[in-house]
C-alpha atoms as a PDB file:
ATOM      1  CA  MET A   1       0.260  74.025  22.837  1.00  0.00           C
ATOM      2  CA  LYS A   2      -0.086  72.934  19.274  1.00  0.00           C
ATOM      3  CA  THR A   3      -2.481  75.617  18.426  1.00  0.00           C
ATOM      4  CA  GLY A   4      -0.283  78.437  19.998  1.00  0.00           C
ATOM      5  CA  LEU A   5       2.663  76.850  17.648  1.00  0.00           C
ATOM      6  CA  ILE A   6       0.354  77.215  14.926  1.00  0.00           C
ATOM      7  CA  ILE A   7      -0.692  80.933  16.085  1.00  0.00           C
ATOM      8  CA  ALA A   8       3.010  82.100  16.900  1.00  0.00           C
ATOM      9  CA  GLY A   9       3.766  80.628  13.468  1.00  0.00           C
ATOM     10  CA  VAL A  10       1.119  82.519  11.614  1.00  0.00           C
ATOM     11  CA  ILE A  11       1.980  86.043  13.144  1.00  0.00           C
ATOM     12  CA  ILE A  12       5.490  85.363  12.721  1.00  0.00           C
ATOM     13  CA  THR A  13       4.760  84.812   9.297  1.00  0.00           C
ATOM     14  CA  PHE A  14       2.549  87.754   8.895  1.00  0.00           C
ATOM     15  CA  LEU A  15       4.954  89.641  10.301  1.00  0.00           C
ATOM     16  CA  ILE A  16       7.895  88.484   7.674  1.00  0.00           C
ATOM     17  CA  ALA A  17       5.401  89.256   4.536  1.00  0.00           C
ATOM     18  CA  ILE A  18       4.446  92.582   5.790  1.00  0.00           C
ATOM     19  CA  ARG A  19       8.356  93.236   6.167  1.00  0.00           C
ATOM     20  CA  LEU A  20       9.310  91.909   2.336  1.00  0.00           C
ATOM     21  CA  PHE A  21       6.704  93.913   1.079  1.00  0.00           C
ATOM     22  CA  VAL A  22       7.669  97.200   2.539  1.00  0.00           C
ATOM     23  CA  SER A  23      11.301  96.505   2.271  1.00  0.00           C
ATOM     24  CA  SER A  24      10.173  96.151  -1.905  1.00  0.00           C
ATOM     25  CA  GLN A  25       8.133  98.968  -1.761  1.00  0.00           C
ATOM     26  CA  ARG A  26      10.819 101.231  -0.278  1.00  0.00           C
ATOM     27  CA  GLU A  27      13.399 100.011  -2.819  1.00  0.00           C
ATOM     28  CA  ASP A  28      11.268 101.230  -5.759  1.00  0.00           C
ATOM     29  CA  THR A  29      10.345 104.563  -4.091  1.00  0.00           C
ATOM     30  CA  GLU A  30      12.283 107.234  -5.919  1.00  0.00           C
ATOM     31  CA  THR A  31      14.814 109.014  -3.239  1.00  0.00           C
ATOM     32  CA  CYS A  32      16.398 112.770  -3.149  1.00  0.00           C
ATOM     33  CA  PRO A  33      19.255 112.537  -5.110  1.00  0.00           C
ATOM     34  CA  TYR A  34      22.647 113.440  -3.642  1.00  0.00           C
ATOM     35  CA  SER A  35      26.370 113.191  -4.309  1.00  0.00           C
ATOM     36  CA  VAL A  36      28.797 112.245  -1.305  1.00  0.00           C
ATOM     37  CA  VAL A  37      31.725 114.619  -1.215  1.00  0.00           C
ATOM     38  CA  LYS A  38      33.842 113.046   1.554  1.00  0.00           C
ATOM     39  CA  GLU A  39      32.757 110.285   4.384  1.00  0.00           C
ATOM     40  CA  TYR A  40      34.106 110.501   7.774  1.00  0.00           C
ATOM     41  CA  ASP A  41      33.804 107.908  10.606  1.00  0.00           C
ATOM     42  CA  ASP A  42      30.350 109.091  12.106  1.00  0.00           C
ATOM     43  CA  PHE A  43      29.073 111.405   9.085  1.00  0.00           C
ATOM     44  CA  GLU A  44      29.518 112.163   5.399  1.00  0.00           C
ATOM     45  CA  VAL A  45      29.399 115.327   3.847  1.00  0.00           C
ATOM     46  CA  ARG A  46      27.019 115.605   0.690  1.00  0.00           C
ATOM     47  CA  ILE A  47      25.525 117.850  -2.314  1.00  0.00           C
ATOM     48  CA  TYR A  48      21.930 118.096  -2.922  1.00  0.00           C
ATOM     49  CA  ASP A  49      20.927 119.474  -5.777  1.00  0.00           C
ATOM     50  CA  ALA A  50      17.692 122.035  -6.152  1.00  0.00           C
ATOM     51  CA  ASN A  51      14.664 120.637  -5.680  1.00  0.00           C
ATOM     52  CA  LEU A  52      10.580 121.207  -5.455  1.00  0.00           C
ATOM     53  CA  PHE A  53       9.204 120.053  -2.260  1.00  0.00           C
ATOM     54  CA  THR A  54       5.889 119.547  -0.907  1.00  0.00           C
ATOM     55  CA  SER A  55       5.568 120.968   2.477  1.00  0.00           C
ATOM     56  CA  VAL A  56       3.617 121.525   5.477  1.00  0.00           C
ATOM     57  CA  GLN A  57       4.595 124.034   8.354  1.00  0.00           C
ATOM     58  CA  LEU A  58       3.461 122.910  11.896  1.00  0.00           C
ATOM     59  CA  PRO A  59       3.438 124.953  15.024  1.00  0.00           C
ATOM     60  CA  TYR A  60       5.688 122.360  16.977  1.00  0.00           C
ATOM     61  CA  LYS A  61       9.142 121.971  17.608  1.00  0.00           C
ATOM     62  CA  GLU A  62       8.679 118.312  18.690  1.00  0.00           C
ATOM     63  CA  TYR A  63       9.269 115.242  16.045  1.00  0.00           C
ATOM     64  CA  SER A  64       6.812 113.499  18.267  1.00  0.00           C
ATOM     65  CA  LYS A  65       4.235 116.185  17.373  1.00  0.00           C
ATOM     66  CA  ALA A  66       4.871 117.342  14.012  1.00  0.00           C
ATOM     67  CA  GLY A  67       6.137 114.217  12.637  1.00  0.00           C
ATOM     68  CA  GLY A  68       3.256 111.676  11.498  1.00  0.00           C
ATOM     69  CA  LEU A  69       0.682 114.808  11.588  1.00  0.00           C
ATOM     70  CA  GLY A  70       2.462 116.554   8.813  1.00  0.00           C
ATOM     71  CA  PHE A  71       3.621 113.251   7.005  1.00  0.00           C
ATOM     72  CA  ARG A  72      -0.560 112.827   7.038  1.00  0.00           C
ATOM     73  CA  ILE A  73      -1.238 116.090   5.804  1.00  0.00           C
ATOM     74  CA  ILE A  74       1.559 115.188   2.879  1.00  0.00           C
ATOM     75  CA  SER A  75       0.218 111.874   2.102  1.00  0.00           C
ATOM     76  CA  THR A  76      -3.582 113.173   1.390  1.00  0.00           C
ATOM     77  CA  TYR A  77      -2.038 115.532  -0.896  1.00  0.00           C
ATOM     78  CA  ILE A  78      -0.084 112.909  -3.084  1.00  0.00           C
ATOM     79  CA  SER A  79      -3.044 110.176  -2.139  1.00  0.00           C
ATOM     80  CA  GLY A  80      -5.558 112.380  -4.093  1.00  0.00           C
ATOM     81  CA  GLU A  81      -6.972 115.276  -1.835  1.00  0.00           C
ATOM     82  CA  ASN A  82      -6.281 117.763  -4.465  1.00  0.00           C
ATOM     83  CA  GLU A  83      -8.039 119.923  -7.840  1.00  0.00           C
ATOM     84  CA  LYS A  84      -7.421 117.043  -9.867  1.00  0.00           C
ATOM     85  CA  ASP A  85      -8.080 113.839  -7.737  1.00  0.00           C
ATOM     86  CA  GLU A  86      -4.457 113.074  -8.954  1.00  0.00           C
ATOM     87  CA  LEU A  87      -2.128 110.494  -7.497  1.00  0.00           C
ATOM     88  CA  ILE A  88       1.388 111.841  -7.362  1.00  0.00           C
ATOM     89  CA  GLU A  89       3.945 108.944  -6.313  1.00  0.00           C
ATOM     90  CA  MET A  90       5.552 109.227  -2.862  1.00  0.00           C
ATOM     91  CA  THR A  91       9.178 110.138  -2.617  1.00  0.00           C
ATOM     92  CA  ILE A  92      11.640 109.641   0.433  1.00  0.00           C
ATOM     93  CA  PRO A  93      12.870 110.400   2.708  1.00  0.00           C
ATOM     94  CA  VAL A  94       9.996 112.744   4.453  1.00  0.00           C
ATOM     95  CA  MET A  95      12.169 115.645   5.580  1.00  0.00           C
ATOM     96  CA  MET A  96      11.642 117.845   8.672  1.00  0.00           C
ATOM     97  CA  ALA A  97      13.267 121.149   9.096  1.00  0.00           C
ATOM     98  CA  LEU A  98      13.733 121.488  13.119  1.00  0.00           C
ATOM     99  CA  GLU A  99      13.171 124.832  13.671  1.00  0.00           C
ATOM    100  CA  ASP A 100      10.777 126.447  16.419  1.00  0.00           C
ATOM    101  CA  SER A 101       7.981 125.691  14.171  1.00  0.00           C
ATOM    102  CA  ILE A 102       8.918 122.239  12.228  1.00  0.00           C
ATOM    103  CA  THR A 103       8.053 121.961   8.449  1.00  0.00           C
ATOM    104  CA  VAL A 104       7.950 118.438   7.108  1.00  0.00           C
ATOM    105  CA  MET A 105       8.577 118.160   3.305  1.00  0.00           C
ATOM    106  CA  MET A 106       8.400 115.736   0.556  1.00  0.00           C
ATOM    107  CA  MET A 107      10.257 115.942  -2.616  1.00  0.00           C
ATOM    108  CA  ILE A 108       7.846 116.258  -6.134  1.00  0.00           C
ATOM    109  CA  PRO A 109       8.873 113.321  -8.316  1.00  0.00           C
ATOM    110  CA  LYS A 110      11.270 114.016 -10.983  1.00  0.00           C
ATOM    111  CA  GLU A 111       8.273 113.009 -13.907  1.00  0.00           C
ATOM    112  CA  LYS A 112       6.111 115.702 -12.375  1.00  0.00           C
ATOM    113  CA  LYS A 113       8.912 118.314 -12.582  1.00  0.00           C
ATOM    114  CA  GLY A 114       8.277 121.420 -15.156  1.00  0.00           C
ATOM    115  CA  LYS A 115       4.676 119.928 -15.075  1.00  0.00           C
ATOM    116  CA  SER A 116       1.581 121.826 -13.575  1.00  0.00           C
ATOM    117  CA  LEU A 117       0.648 120.279 -10.100  1.00  0.00           C
ATOM    118  CA  PRO A 118      -2.647 119.706  -8.804  1.00  0.00           C
ATOM    119  CA  LYS A 119      -3.565 122.713  -6.458  1.00  0.00           C
ATOM    120  CA  PRO A 120      -4.033 120.883  -2.671  1.00  0.00           C
ATOM    121  CA  ASP A 121      -7.527 120.785  -1.278  1.00  0.00           C
ATOM    122  CA  ASP A 122      -5.437 121.538   2.303  1.00  0.00           C
ATOM    123  CA  SER A 123      -4.729 125.139   2.458  1.00  0.00           C
ATOM    124  CA  GLN A 124      -1.985 124.229   4.588  1.00  0.00           C
ATOM    125  CA  ILE A 125       0.341 122.618   2.111  1.00  0.00           C
ATOM    126  CA  LYS A 126       2.805 124.724  -0.088  1.00  0.00           C
ATOM    127  CA  PHE A 127       4.994 124.136  -2.822  1.00  0.00           C
ATOM    128  CA  ILE A 128       8.830 125.209  -1.636  1.00  0.00           C
ATOM    129  CA  GLU A 129      12.120 125.158  -3.989  1.00  0.00           C
ATOM    130  CA  VAL A 130      14.966 124.173  -1.944  1.00  0.00           C
ATOM    131  CA  PRO A 131      18.201 125.218  -3.266  1.00  0.00           C
ATOM    132  CA  SER A 132      21.123 123.388  -3.852  1.00  0.00           C
ATOM    133  CA  LYS A 133      23.220 123.023  -0.594  1.00  0.00           C
ATOM    134  CA  THR A 134      26.324 120.853   1.015  1.00  0.00           C
ATOM    135  CA  VAL A 135      25.168 119.071   4.157  1.00  0.00           C
ATOM    136  CA  ALA A 136      26.782 117.012   7.052  1.00  0.00           C
ATOM    137  CA  ALA A 137      24.619 113.712   7.520  1.00  0.00           C
ATOM    138  CA  ILE A 138      24.561 111.463  10.534  1.00  0.00           C
ATOM    139  CA  THR A 139      22.603 107.773  10.190  1.00  0.00           C
ATOM    140  CA  PHE A 140      21.052 105.828  12.790  1.00  0.00           C
ATOM    141  CA  ASN A 141      18.868 102.849  12.260  1.00  0.00           C
ATOM    142  CA  HIS A 142      16.633 102.571  14.999  1.00  0.00           C
ATOM    143  CA  ARG A 143      12.998 104.446  15.697  1.00  0.00           C
ATOM    144  CA  ALA A 144      13.322 107.892  15.814  1.00  0.00           C
ATOM    145  CA  SER A 145      12.529 109.944  18.999  1.00  0.00           C
ATOM    146  CA  ASP A 146      12.768 113.644  20.192  1.00  0.00           C
ATOM    147  CA  ASP A 147      15.734 112.182  22.462  1.00  0.00           C
ATOM    148  CA  GLU A 148      17.260 110.319  19.436  1.00  0.00           C
ATOM    149  CA  ILE A 149      17.157 113.039  16.957  1.00  0.00           C
ATOM    150  CA  ARG A 150      18.894 115.397  19.901  1.00  0.00           C
ATOM    151  CA  LEU A 151      21.155 112.823  21.145  1.00  0.00           C
ATOM    152  CA  TYR A 152      22.329 112.330  17.288  1.00  0.00           C
ATOM    153  CA  LYS A 153      22.009 116.200  16.705  1.00  0.00           C
ATOM    154  CA  GLN A 154      24.659 116.602  19.340  1.00  0.00           C
ATOM    155  CA  LYS A 155      26.800 113.592  17.994  1.00  0.00           C
ATOM    156  CA  LEU A 156      26.868 115.658  14.552  1.00  0.00           C
ATOM    157  CA  ILE A 157      28.032 118.784  16.244  1.00  0.00           C
ATOM    158  CA  ASP A 158      30.996 117.056  18.419  1.00  0.00           C
ATOM    159  CA  ALA A 159      31.933 115.532  15.050  1.00  0.00           C
ATOM    160  CA  LEU A 160      31.980 118.522  12.887  1.00  0.00           C
ATOM    161  CA  GLU A 161      33.860 120.591  15.491  1.00  0.00           C
ATOM    162  CA  GLU A 162      36.218 117.811  15.902  1.00  0.00           C
ATOM    163  CA  GLU A 163      36.612 118.058  12.242  1.00  0.00           C
ATOM    164  CA  LYS A 164      36.992 121.930  12.160  1.00  0.00           C
ATOM    165  CA  ILE A 165      33.789 121.695   9.831  1.00  0.00           C
ATOM    166  CA  ALA A 166      31.664 125.351  10.147  1.00  0.00           C
ATOM    167  CA  TYR A 167      27.989 124.397   9.973  1.00  0.00           C
ATOM    168  CA  THR A 168      24.945 126.267  10.097  1.00  0.00           C
ATOM    169  CA  ASP A 169      21.765 126.287  12.612  1.00  0.00           C
ATOM    170  CA  HIS A 170      19.787 124.851   9.824  1.00  0.00           C
ATOM    171  CA  PHE A 171      19.291 120.872  11.228  1.00  0.00           C
ATOM    172  CA  TYR A 172      16.986 118.675   9.270  1.00  0.00           C
ATOM    173  CA  PHE A 173      15.817 115.216  10.502  1.00  0.00           C
ATOM    174  CA  PHE A 174      15.231 112.598   7.516  1.00  0.00           C
ATOM    175  CA  ALA A 175      13.070 109.676   7.878  1.00  0.00           C
ATOM    176  CA  TYR A 176      13.183 106.682   4.942  1.00  0.00           C
ATOM    177  CA  ASN A 177      11.225 103.991   6.389  1.00  0.00           C
ATOM    178  CA  SER A 178       7.462 103.301   6.853  1.00  0.00           C
ATOM    179  CA  PRO A 179       5.925 102.818  10.662  1.00  0.00           C
ATOM    180  CA  LEU A 180       5.355  99.327   9.555  1.00  0.00           C
ATOM    181  CA  ASP A 181       9.020  98.626   8.580  1.00  0.00           C
ATOM    182  CA  LEU A 182      10.427  97.316  12.022  1.00  0.00           C
ATOM    183  CA  PHE A 183      14.264  95.961  10.821  1.00  0.00           C
ATOM    184  CA  ASN A 184      16.864  98.047   8.666  1.00  0.00           C
ATOM    185  CA  ARG A 185      15.413 101.255   9.263  1.00  0.00           C
ATOM    186  CA  ARG A 186      17.203 104.152   8.472  1.00  0.00           C
ATOM    187  CA  ASN A 187      17.143 107.774   9.586  1.00  0.00           C
ATOM    188  CA  GLU A 188      19.355 110.960   9.566  1.00  0.00           C
ATOM    189  CA  VAL A 189      20.290 113.882  11.513  1.00  0.00           C
ATOM    190  CA  VAL A 190      21.149 116.452   8.913  1.00  0.00           C
ATOM    191  CA  VAL A 191      22.823 120.030   8.979  1.00  0.00           C
ATOM    192  CA  GLU A 192      23.219 122.615   6.179  1.00  0.00           C
ATOM    193  CA  LEU A 193      27.423 123.211   6.321  1.00  0.00           C
ATOM    194  CA  ALA A 194      28.586 126.904   6.499  1.00  0.00           C
ATOM    195  CA  GLY A 195      30.395 128.799   3.761  1.00  0.00           C
ATOM    196  CA  ARG A 196      29.920 125.921   0.931  1.00  0.00           C
END
């Protein structure tokens, strides 16, 4: 009995240590900047500036197939699998354009803007300039899945229609957390607004 309690205590301590480490890492990670135009009960309207992104397009439309794979491909590039063996800081969120084929994107850190980026070893990786845009975003704080993304996409659509705000068919999923981050998760479904 006593051994079981000791083992349980060690496991709990280990999980807390991982949680604290992951949270501190996330707080130090550069985020894609935006300004909030207006907050509503269920969503907010934001403006994102133009930014340069590392991206990979995958032949899937399911988050469950594209999310982890796309992140791994991009993370190998920023971890040094490029022509200069150069490390590039990670940014958040990891963004996924929800279309017939998902494009996974990560913003280039501002310290790298205007500088030449090393050529990726993986030819699937592309650099894309995303223009400034006005979006609506709805947030949820539990683990993402295809069903959850569909659910929050519909909630966002319903809320926008109730407010009579026109939107496009350009939807995204934003993931802010490491898979090791068990608590205080932040995920968002985002849509570009029309005529803004």
